[in-house]
């Protein structure tokens, strides 16, 4: 696997908090980011991409379908 084959797109869903009323949630939001496969099934990415997420999917470069990590 070359460098291009190691790059993944990360799709996430998270609940956004209402900072004025922290006991309430504003609703689900979607976010995406990138990562890199570093060893076996390990993916290196930034904390803001996956922090506080409730659902995560991964899509490898060149593949049509998303998969669960």
N, C-alpha and C. Protein backbone atom coordinates (compact mmCIF):
# COMPACT_ATOMS: atom_id res chain seq x y z
N UNK A 1 0.85 -1.17 0.00
CA UNK A 1 0.00 0.00 0.00
C UNK A 1 0.90 1.24 0.00
N UNK A 2 0.69 2.10 -0.98
CA UNK A 2 1.46 3.33 -1.04
C UNK A 2 0.83 4.41 -0.18
N UNK A 3 1.38 5.60 -0.27
CA UNK A 3 0.87 6.73 0.52
C UNK A 3 -0.59 7.00 0.18
N UNK A 4 -0.93 7.01 -1.09
CA UNK A 4 -2.31 7.30 -1.51
C UNK A 4 -3.29 6.27 -0.94
N UNK A 5 -2.90 5.02 -0.88
CA UNK A 5 -3.76 3.97 -0.35
C UNK A 5 -3.91 4.01 1.16
N UNK A 6 -3.06 4.76 1.84
CA UNK A 6 -3.13 4.85 3.29
C UNK A 6 -4.03 5.99 3.78
N UNK A 7 -4.42 6.88 2.88
CA UNK A 7 -5.26 8.03 3.26
C UNK A 7 -6.72 7.61 3.34
N UNK A 8 -7.39 8.04 4.41
CA UNK A 8 -8.81 7.74 4.59
C UNK A 8 -9.58 9.03 4.87
N UNK A 9 -10.85 9.02 4.51
CA UNK A 9 -11.78 10.10 4.86
C UNK A 9 -12.62 9.58 6.02
N UNK A 10 -12.80 10.39 7.04
CA UNK A 10 -13.53 10.00 8.24
C UNK A 10 -14.81 10.82 8.31
N UNK A 11 -15.95 10.13 8.35
CA UNK A 11 -17.27 10.77 8.45
C UNK A 11 -17.81 10.53 9.85
N UNK A 12 -18.28 11.58 10.51
CA UNK A 12 -18.76 11.44 11.88
C UNK A 12 -20.09 12.15 12.09
N UNK A 13 -20.79 11.72 13.14
CA UNK A 13 -22.01 12.37 13.62
C UNK A 13 -21.79 12.65 15.09
N UNK A 14 -22.17 13.85 15.53
CA UNK A 14 -22.02 14.19 16.94
C UNK A 14 -23.20 15.03 17.41
N UNK A 15 -23.42 15.04 18.70
CA UNK A 15 -24.45 15.89 19.31
C UNK A 15 -23.79 17.18 19.75
N UNK A 16 -24.36 18.28 19.33
CA UNK A 16 -23.81 19.59 19.69
C UNK A 16 -24.51 20.10 20.95
N UNK A 17 -23.74 20.52 21.93
CA UNK A 17 -24.29 21.05 23.18
C UNK A 17 -24.68 22.52 23.02
N UNK A 18 -25.69 22.91 23.76
CA UNK A 18 -26.09 24.31 23.84
C UNK A 18 -25.31 24.91 25.01
N UNK A 19 -24.36 25.79 24.74
CA UNK A 19 -23.51 26.31 25.80
C UNK A 19 -24.25 27.23 26.77
N UNK A 20 -25.38 27.80 26.34
CA UNK A 20 -26.20 28.61 27.25
C UNK A 20 -27.05 27.74 28.15
N UNK A 21 -27.39 26.54 27.70
CA UNK A 21 -28.18 25.57 28.48
C UNK A 21 -27.54 24.20 28.29
N UNK A 22 -26.44 23.91 28.97
CA UNK A 22 -25.65 22.69 28.71
C UNK A 22 -26.39 21.38 28.92
N UNK A 23 -27.51 21.40 29.60
CA UNK A 23 -28.29 20.18 29.80
C UNK A 23 -29.12 19.84 28.55
N UNK A 24 -29.12 20.75 27.57
CA UNK A 24 -29.86 20.52 26.33
C UNK A 24 -28.89 20.32 25.18
N UNK A 25 -29.32 19.54 24.22
CA UNK A 25 -28.53 19.35 23.01
C UNK A 25 -29.20 20.10 21.86
N UNK A 26 -28.41 20.73 21.02
CA UNK A 26 -28.94 21.45 19.87
C UNK A 26 -29.40 20.48 18.80
N UNK A 27 -28.73 19.37 18.68
CA UNK A 27 -29.09 18.36 17.69
C UNK A 27 -27.86 17.75 17.06
N UNK A 28 -28.10 16.74 16.25
CA UNK A 28 -26.99 16.05 15.62
C UNK A 28 -26.42 16.87 14.48
N UNK A 29 -25.12 16.84 14.37
CA UNK A 29 -24.38 17.52 13.31
C UNK A 29 -23.46 16.50 12.65
N UNK A 30 -23.12 16.76 11.41
CA UNK A 30 -22.18 15.89 10.68
C UNK A 30 -20.88 16.64 10.48
N UNK A 31 -19.81 15.87 10.47
CA UNK A 31 -18.48 16.44 10.28
C UNK A 31 -17.64 15.41 9.54
N UNK A 32 -16.62 15.87 8.86
CA UNK A 32 -15.70 14.93 8.22
C UNK A 32 -14.27 15.45 8.37
N UNK A 33 -13.35 14.54 8.24
CA UNK A 33 -11.93 14.88 8.33
C UNK A 33 -11.13 13.80 7.62
N UNK A 34 -9.84 13.86 7.77
CA UNK A 34 -8.99 12.88 7.11
C UNK A 34 -8.11 12.18 8.13
N UNK A 35 -7.54 11.09 7.69
CA UNK A 35 -6.63 10.32 8.54
C UNK A 35 -5.71 9.50 7.67
N UNK A 36 -4.83 8.77 8.31
CA UNK A 36 -3.86 7.95 7.59
C UNK A 36 -3.71 6.62 8.33
N UNK A 37 -3.77 5.53 7.58
CA UNK A 37 -3.56 4.21 8.17
C UNK A 37 -2.07 4.09 8.47
N UNK A 38 -1.75 3.82 9.73
CA UNK A 38 -0.33 3.77 10.12
C UNK A 38 0.17 2.36 10.39
N UNK A 39 -0.72 1.46 10.84
CA UNK A 39 -0.30 0.10 11.14
C UNK A 39 -1.53 -0.77 11.32
N UNK A 40 -1.64 -1.81 10.52
CA UNK A 40 -2.78 -2.72 10.64
C UNK A 40 -4.10 -1.99 10.54
N UNK A 41 -4.86 -1.99 11.63
CA UNK A 41 -6.17 -1.31 11.64
C UNK A 41 -6.12 0.00 12.43
N UNK A 42 -4.96 0.58 12.57
CA UNK A 42 -4.82 1.84 13.31
C UNK A 42 -4.84 3.02 12.34
N UNK A 43 -5.59 4.05 12.72
CA UNK A 43 -5.70 5.25 11.90
C UNK A 43 -5.24 6.44 12.73
N UNK A 44 -4.36 7.24 12.18
CA UNK A 44 -3.89 8.46 12.82
C UNK A 44 -4.70 9.63 12.28
N UNK A 45 -5.32 10.40 13.18
CA UNK A 45 -6.09 11.57 12.80
C UNK A 45 -6.00 12.60 13.92
N UNK A 46 -6.61 13.74 13.74
CA UNK A 46 -6.63 14.78 14.78
C UNK A 46 -7.77 14.54 15.75
N UNK A 47 -7.58 14.96 16.99
CA UNK A 47 -8.58 14.76 18.04
C UNK A 47 -9.90 15.45 17.71
N UNK A 48 -9.85 16.63 17.06
CA UNK A 48 -11.09 17.34 16.78
C UNK A 48 -11.96 16.61 15.74
N UNK A 49 -11.38 15.70 14.99
CA UNK A 49 -12.15 14.94 14.00
C UNK A 49 -13.04 13.91 14.68
N UNK A 50 -12.55 13.24 15.71
CA UNK A 50 -13.31 12.15 16.33
C UNK A 50 -13.74 12.40 17.77
N UNK A 51 -13.31 13.50 18.37
CA UNK A 51 -13.68 13.78 19.76
C UNK A 51 -15.17 14.01 19.91
N UNK A 52 -15.78 13.40 20.91
CA UNK A 52 -17.21 13.55 21.23
C UNK A 52 -18.15 13.07 20.12
N UNK A 53 -17.69 12.19 19.28
CA UNK A 53 -18.54 11.69 18.19
C UNK A 53 -19.39 10.52 18.68
N UNK A 54 -20.58 10.37 18.08
CA UNK A 54 -21.45 9.25 18.45
C UNK A 54 -21.50 8.19 17.36
N UNK A 55 -21.01 8.51 16.15
CA UNK A 55 -21.00 7.55 15.05
C UNK A 55 -19.84 7.91 14.13
N UNK A 56 -19.06 6.91 13.73
CA UNK A 56 -17.89 7.14 12.87
C UNK A 56 -17.91 6.13 11.73
N UNK A 57 -17.64 6.62 10.50
CA UNK A 57 -17.46 5.76 9.33
C UNK A 57 -16.16 6.17 8.64
N UNK A 58 -15.55 5.19 7.98
CA UNK A 58 -14.28 5.40 7.29
C UNK A 58 -14.46 5.07 5.81
N UNK A 59 -13.83 5.87 4.95
CA UNK A 59 -13.83 5.57 3.51
C UNK A 59 -12.39 5.68 3.02
N UNK A 60 -11.90 4.57 2.49
CA UNK A 60 -10.53 4.56 1.96
C UNK A 60 -10.51 5.21 0.59
N UNK A 61 -9.39 5.78 0.24
CA UNK A 61 -9.21 6.40 -1.07
C UNK A 61 -9.45 5.37 -2.17
N UNK A 62 -10.28 5.73 -3.12
CA UNK A 62 -10.57 4.84 -4.24
C UNK A 62 -11.70 3.87 -4.02
N UNK A 63 -12.25 3.79 -2.82
CA UNK A 63 -13.38 2.91 -2.54
C UNK A 63 -14.67 3.70 -2.57
N UNK A 64 -15.75 3.05 -3.02
CA UNK A 64 -17.03 3.73 -3.13
C UNK A 64 -17.83 3.72 -1.84
N UNK A 65 -17.66 2.68 -1.03
CA UNK A 65 -18.49 2.53 0.17
C UNK A 65 -17.75 2.93 1.43
N UNK A 66 -18.52 3.47 2.39
CA UNK A 66 -18.00 3.76 3.72
C UNK A 66 -18.09 2.49 4.55
N UNK A 67 -17.24 2.37 5.55
CA UNK A 67 -17.29 1.21 6.44
C UNK A 67 -17.12 1.67 7.89
N UNK A 68 -17.47 0.79 8.80
CA UNK A 68 -17.28 1.08 10.22
C UNK A 68 -15.83 0.77 10.58
N UNK A 69 -15.27 1.52 11.53
CA UNK A 69 -13.86 1.26 11.90
C UNK A 69 -13.69 -0.06 12.62
